[in-house]
Amino acid sequence: MFLDYFALFLLLFVFVIVVYMVLWLHDIPYEIAKKRGHPHLDAIHIGGWVSLFTLHAIWPFLWIWAYMYRPGEGYGVRAAGSEGELLDTVRALDARVAALEGKQAGEGA
């Protein structure tokens, strides 16, 4: 009789631990985002709960999304300069290429 109750207790204990671990696992991207001060913290948290219903199919993407944001840097994507700055950069690169081609033609002769 004791072993029956012990087995039931063990079964319930393991079930509770498994449920707790699944809930803890789905919250990892949220904790990463919270630690990094992510601007989309709520969306990542809700995505974690939604991933429970999709059998964690979107969970790796939430992890990547949480890690992409860096404190102080953001996502690491810089805005392109103005059109004039871009044209100046292209002209400078064209001049450099022309100079290098001129050097190469002078060395080959």
N, C-alpha and C. Protein backbone atom coordinates (compact mmCIF):
# COMPACT_ATOMS: atom_id res chain seq x y z
N MET A 1 0.81 -1.19 0.00
CA MET A 1 0.00 0.00 0.00
C MET A 1 0.86 1.27 0.00
N PHE A 2 1.92 1.24 0.78
CA PHE A 2 2.82 2.39 0.83
C PHE A 2 3.44 2.67 -0.53
N LEU A 3 3.84 1.60 -1.23
CA LEU A 3 4.47 1.78 -2.54
C LEU A 3 3.49 2.36 -3.56
N ASP A 4 2.22 2.07 -3.44
CA ASP A 4 1.22 2.66 -4.33
C ASP A 4 1.15 4.17 -4.14
N TYR A 5 1.09 4.60 -2.91
CA TYR A 5 1.04 6.04 -2.63
C TYR A 5 2.36 6.74 -2.99
N PHE A 6 3.44 6.05 -2.75
CA PHE A 6 4.74 6.61 -3.10
C PHE A 6 4.85 6.77 -4.62
N ALA A 7 4.41 5.77 -5.37
CA ALA A 7 4.44 5.84 -6.83
C ALA A 7 3.54 6.97 -7.33
N LEU A 8 2.36 7.14 -6.73
CA LEU A 8 1.46 8.23 -7.11
C LEU A 8 2.09 9.58 -6.81
N PHE A 9 2.70 9.71 -5.65
CA PHE A 9 3.38 10.96 -5.28
C PHE A 9 4.51 11.25 -6.26
N LEU A 10 5.30 10.23 -6.59
CA LEU A 10 6.42 10.40 -7.51
C LEU A 10 5.93 10.81 -8.89
N LEU A 11 4.85 10.19 -9.34
CA LEU A 11 4.29 10.52 -10.64
C LEU A 11 3.80 11.97 -10.68
N LEU A 12 3.10 12.40 -9.64
CA LEU A 12 2.62 13.79 -9.58
C LEU A 12 3.79 14.77 -9.46
N PHE A 13 4.78 14.41 -8.68
CA PHE A 13 5.95 15.27 -8.51
C PHE A 13 6.68 15.47 -9.84
N VAL A 14 6.89 14.40 -10.57
CA VAL A 14 7.55 14.50 -11.87
C VAL A 14 6.71 15.31 -12.84
N PHE A 15 5.40 15.12 -12.83
CA PHE A 15 4.52 15.89 -13.70
C PHE A 15 4.62 17.39 -13.40
N VAL A 16 4.60 17.75 -12.13
CA VAL A 16 4.71 19.16 -11.74
C VAL A 16 6.06 19.73 -12.17
N ILE A 17 7.12 18.97 -11.99
CA ILE A 17 8.45 19.44 -12.39
C ILE A 17 8.54 19.64 -13.90
N VAL A 18 7.98 18.73 -14.67
CA VAL A 18 8.01 18.85 -16.13
C VAL A 18 7.23 20.09 -16.58
N VAL A 19 6.05 20.31 -16.00
CA VAL A 19 5.26 21.50 -16.35
C VAL A 19 6.03 22.76 -15.98
N TYR A 20 6.65 22.78 -14.81
CA TYR A 20 7.43 23.94 -14.39
C TYR A 20 8.60 24.19 -15.34
N MET A 21 9.29 23.13 -15.75
CA MET A 21 10.44 23.28 -16.65
C MET A 21 10.02 23.82 -18.02
N VAL A 22 8.87 23.37 -18.52
CA VAL A 22 8.38 23.88 -19.80
C VAL A 22 8.05 25.37 -19.68
N LEU A 23 7.41 25.75 -18.60
CA LEU A 23 7.10 27.17 -18.40
C LEU A 23 8.36 28.00 -18.22
N TRP A 24 9.34 27.45 -17.53
CA TRP A 24 10.61 28.16 -17.34
C TRP A 24 11.35 28.29 -18.67
N LEU A 25 11.32 27.23 -19.47
CA LEU A 25 12.01 27.22 -20.75
C LEU A 25 11.44 28.27 -21.70
N HIS A 26 10.12 28.40 -21.73
CA HIS A 26 9.53 29.35 -22.67
C HIS A 26 9.86 30.78 -22.29
N ASP A 27 10.26 31.03 -21.07
CA ASP A 27 10.54 32.39 -20.59
C ASP A 27 11.99 32.81 -20.78
N ILE A 28 12.86 31.95 -21.25
CA ILE A 28 14.28 32.29 -21.39
C ILE A 28 14.49 33.49 -22.33
N PRO A 29 13.88 33.52 -23.54
CA PRO A 29 14.08 34.71 -24.39
C PRO A 29 13.60 36.01 -23.72
N TYR A 30 12.52 35.93 -22.96
CA TYR A 30 12.03 37.11 -22.25
C TYR A 30 13.06 37.59 -21.22
N GLU A 31 13.65 36.67 -20.50
CA GLU A 31 14.66 37.05 -19.50
C GLU A 31 15.89 37.66 -20.16
N ILE A 32 16.29 37.13 -21.31
CA ILE A 32 17.43 37.69 -22.05
C ILE A 32 17.09 39.11 -22.49
N ALA A 33 15.89 39.28 -23.04
CA ALA A 33 15.47 40.60 -23.52
C ALA A 33 15.38 41.59 -22.37
N LYS A 34 14.89 41.14 -21.23
CA LYS A 34 14.78 42.03 -20.06
C LYS A 34 16.16 42.46 -19.58
N LYS A 35 17.09 41.53 -19.58
CA LYS A 35 18.46 41.84 -19.14
C LYS A 35 19.14 42.84 -20.07
N ARG A 36 18.82 42.77 -21.36
CA ARG A 36 19.45 43.65 -22.35
C ARG A 36 18.67 44.95 -22.57
N GLY A 37 17.53 45.11 -21.91
CA GLY A 37 16.74 46.33 -22.08
C GLY A 37 16.12 46.42 -23.47
N HIS A 38 15.63 45.31 -23.97
CA HIS A 38 15.09 45.23 -25.33
C HIS A 38 13.83 46.09 -25.45
N PRO A 39 13.69 46.85 -26.55
CA PRO A 39 12.52 47.70 -26.71
C PRO A 39 11.23 46.91 -26.99
N HIS A 40 11.35 45.67 -27.43
CA HIS A 40 10.17 44.86 -27.74
C HIS A 40 9.98 43.76 -26.70
N LEU A 41 10.20 44.11 -25.47
CA LEU A 41 10.15 43.15 -24.37
C LEU A 41 8.79 42.46 -24.27
N ASP A 42 7.72 43.23 -24.35
CA ASP A 42 6.38 42.65 -24.23
C ASP A 42 6.07 41.71 -25.39
N ALA A 43 6.50 42.07 -26.59
CA ALA A 43 6.23 41.22 -27.75
C ALA A 43 6.96 39.89 -27.62
N ILE A 44 8.18 39.91 -27.11
CA ILE A 44 8.94 38.68 -26.91
C ILE A 44 8.28 37.82 -25.84
N HIS A 45 7.79 38.46 -24.79
CA HIS A 45 7.12 37.72 -23.72
C HIS A 45 5.84 37.06 -24.23
N ILE A 46 5.04 37.80 -24.97
CA ILE A 46 3.80 37.24 -25.53
C ILE A 46 4.13 36.15 -26.54
N GLY A 47 5.18 36.37 -27.33
CA GLY A 47 5.60 35.34 -28.28
C GLY A 47 6.01 34.05 -27.58
N GLY A 48 6.59 34.17 -26.40
CA GLY A 48 6.94 32.99 -25.62
C GLY A 48 5.70 32.21 -25.21
N TRP A 49 4.66 32.92 -24.80
CA TRP A 49 3.41 32.24 -24.43
C TRP A 49 2.75 31.62 -25.64
N VAL A 50 2.79 32.33 -26.77
CA VAL A 50 2.22 31.77 -28.01
C VAL A 50 3.00 30.52 -28.43
N SER A 51 4.30 30.52 -28.18
CA SER A 51 5.11 29.36 -28.57
C SER A 51 4.72 28.11 -27.79
N LEU A 52 4.10 28.27 -26.63
CA LEU A 52 3.60 27.10 -25.91
C LEU A 52 2.53 26.37 -26.72
N PHE A 53 1.71 27.13 -27.42
CA PHE A 53 0.63 26.54 -28.20
C PHE A 53 1.09 26.05 -29.57
N THR A 54 2.27 26.46 -29.99
CA THR A 54 2.83 25.99 -31.26
C THR A 54 3.93 24.97 -31.02
N LEU A 55 3.95 24.40 -29.84
CA LEU A 55 4.96 23.41 -29.44
C LEU A 55 6.38 23.95 -29.61
N HIS A 56 6.55 25.20 -29.26
CA HIS A 56 7.84 25.90 -29.27
C HIS A 56 8.44 26.02 -30.67
N ALA A 57 7.60 26.04 -31.69
CA ALA A 57 8.10 26.16 -33.05
C ALA A 57 8.72 27.54 -33.30
N ILE A 58 8.18 28.59 -32.66
CA ILE A 58 8.72 29.94 -32.88
C ILE A 58 9.72 30.34 -31.81
N TRP A 59 9.93 29.47 -30.84
CA TRP A 59 10.80 29.81 -29.71
C TRP A 59 12.24 30.13 -30.12
N PRO A 60 12.87 29.38 -31.05
CA PRO A 60 14.24 29.75 -31.46
C PRO A 60 14.32 31.14 -32.07
N PHE A 61 13.27 31.53 -32.79
CA PHE A 61 13.27 32.86 -33.39
C PHE A 61 13.15 33.95 -32.32
N LEU A 62 12.42 33.66 -31.25
CA LEU A 62 12.33 34.62 -30.14
C LEU A 62 13.69 34.76 -29.46
N TRP A 63 14.40 33.65 -29.32
CA TRP A 63 15.75 33.67 -28.73
C TRP A 63 16.66 34.56 -29.57
N ILE A 64 16.65 34.35 -30.89
CA ILE A 64 17.49 35.15 -31.79
C ILE A 64 17.09 36.61 -31.71
N TRP A 65 15.80 36.89 -31.70
CA TRP A 65 15.30 38.27 -31.62
C TRP A 65 15.77 38.93 -30.34
N ALA A 66 15.73 38.21 -29.24
CA ALA A 66 16.16 38.77 -27.96
C ALA A 66 17.66 39.05 -27.96
N TYR A 67 18.44 38.19 -28.59
CA TYR A 67 19.89 38.37 -28.62
C TYR A 67 20.36 39.41 -29.62
N MET A 68 19.55 39.71 -30.64
CA MET A 68 19.97 40.66 -31.66
C MET A 68 20.18 42.06 -31.11
N TYR A 69 19.40 42.43 -30.13
CA TYR A 69 19.47 43.78 -29.58
C TYR A 69 20.65 43.89 -28.62
N ARG A 70 21.48 44.90 -28.83
CA ARG A 70 22.61 45.14 -27.94
C ARG A 70 22.40 46.46 -27.21
N PRO A 71 22.59 46.46 -25.89
CA PRO A 71 22.42 47.72 -25.16
C PRO A 71 23.40 48.78 -25.66
N GLY A 72 22.90 49.95 -25.92
CA GLY A 72 23.73 51.05 -26.38
C GLY A 72 23.92 51.07 -27.88
N GLU A 73 23.80 49.94 -28.55
CA GLU A 73 24.00 49.86 -30.00
C GLU A 73 22.70 49.65 -30.75
N GLY A 74 21.73 49.09 -30.08
CA GLY A 74 20.50 48.74 -30.77
C GLY A 74 20.70 47.44 -31.53
N TYR A 75 20.17 47.39 -32.74
CA TYR A 75 20.28 46.19 -33.56
C TYR A 75 21.55 46.16 -34.38
N GLY A 76 22.36 47.21 -34.32
CA GLY A 76 23.61 47.24 -35.06
C GLY A 76 23.45 47.69 -36.49
N VAL A 77 22.27 48.15 -36.84
CA VAL A 77 22.02 48.62 -38.20
C VAL A 77 22.07 50.14 -38.17
N ARG A 78 23.00 50.67 -38.93
CA ARG A 78 23.11 52.13 -38.97
C ARG A 78 22.28 52.67 -40.12
N ALA A 79 21.72 53.83 -39.91
CA ALA A 79 20.96 54.47 -40.97
C ALA A 79 21.92 54.98 -42.03
N ALA A 80 21.53 54.86 -43.27
CA ALA A 80 22.37 55.35 -44.37
C ALA A 80 22.43 56.86 -44.31
N GLY A 81 23.55 57.40 -44.78
CA GLY A 81 23.72 58.85 -44.77
C GLY A 81 22.81 59.51 -45.79
N SER A 82 22.92 60.80 -45.88
CA SER A 82 22.10 61.51 -46.85
C SER A 82 22.58 61.18 -48.26
N GLU A 83 21.79 61.56 -49.22
CA GLU A 83 22.12 61.24 -50.62
C GLU A 83 23.43 61.89 -51.03
N GLY A 84 23.67 63.11 -50.56
CA GLY A 84 24.92 63.80 -50.89
C GLY A 84 26.14 63.09 -50.33
N GLU A 85 26.03 62.59 -49.09
CA GLU A 85 27.14 61.85 -48.49
C GLU A 85 27.42 60.56 -49.26
N LEU A 86 26.37 59.89 -49.68
CA LEU A 86 26.56 58.66 -50.44
C LEU A 86 27.22 58.93 -51.78
N LEU A 87 26.81 60.01 -52.45
CA LEU A 87 27.42 60.36 -53.73
C LEU A 87 28.89 60.71 -53.56
N ASP A 88 29.22 61.44 -52.49
CA ASP A 88 30.62 61.77 -52.22
C ASP A 88 31.45 60.51 -51.99
N THR A 89 30.88 59.54 -51.27
CA THR A 89 31.58 58.29 -51.01
C THR A 89 31.81 57.52 -52.30
N VAL A 90 30.81 57.49 -53.17
CA VAL A 90 30.95 56.78 -54.45
C VAL A 90 32.00 57.46 -55.31
N ARG A 91 32.00 58.78 -55.34
CA ARG A 91 33.01 59.51 -56.14
C ARG A 91 34.42 59.25 -55.61
N ALA A 92 34.56 59.23 -54.29
CA ALA A 92 35.88 58.97 -53.70
C ALA A 92 36.34 57.55 -54.04
N LEU A 93 35.44 56.61 -53.99
CA LEU A 93 35.80 55.23 -54.34
C LEU A 93 36.14 55.11 -55.82
N ASP A 94 35.39 55.81 -56.68
CA ASP A 94 35.71 55.81 -58.11
C ASP A 94 37.10 56.37 -58.36
N ALA A 95 37.44 57.45 -57.68
CA ALA A 95 38.77 58.05 -57.84
C ALA A 95 39.86 57.09 -57.36
N ARG A 96 39.60 56.39 -56.27
CA ARG A 96 40.58 55.43 -55.76
C ARG A 96 40.80 54.27 -56.73
N VAL A 97 39.70 53.78 -57.30
CA VAL A 97 39.80 52.68 -58.27
C VAL A 97 40.57 53.15 -59.49
N ALA A 98 40.28 54.34 -59.96
CA ALA A 98 40.98 54.88 -61.13
C ALA A 98 42.47 55.03 -60.84
N ALA A 99 42.82 55.49 -59.64
CA ALA A 99 44.22 55.64 -59.28
C ALA A 99 44.91 54.28 -59.21
N LEU A 100 44.22 53.30 -58.63
CA LEU A 100 44.81 51.96 -58.55
C LEU A 100 44.96 51.32 -59.93
N GLU A 101 44.01 51.54 -60.81
CA GLU A 101 44.11 51.01 -62.17
C GLU A 101 45.25 51.70 -62.92
N GLY A 102 45.43 53.01 -62.66
CA GLY A 102 46.54 53.74 -63.29
C GLY A 102 47.88 53.21 -62.82
N LYS A 103 47.99 52.90 -61.53
CA LYS A 103 49.23 52.33 -60.99
C LYS A 103 49.50 50.97 -61.61
N GLN A 104 48.46 50.18 -61.72
CA GLN A 104 48.63 48.83 -62.26
C GLN A 104 49.02 48.88 -63.73
N ALA A 105 48.43 49.80 -64.49
CA ALA A 105 48.79 49.94 -65.90
C ALA A 105 50.21 50.44 -66.04
N GLY A 106 50.68 51.31 -65.13
CA GLY A 106 52.05 51.83 -65.17
C GLY A 106 53.06 50.76 -64.81
N GLU A 107 52.71 49.83 -63.90
CA GLU A 107 53.63 48.76 -63.53
C GLU A 107 53.74 47.72 -64.61
N GLY A 108 52.66 47.50 -65.36
CA GLY A 108 52.64 46.44 -66.38
C GLY A 108 53.39 46.86 -67.64
N ALA A 109 53.61 48.15 -67.88
CA ALA A 109 54.22 48.62 -69.12
C ALA A 109 55.70 48.51 -69.13
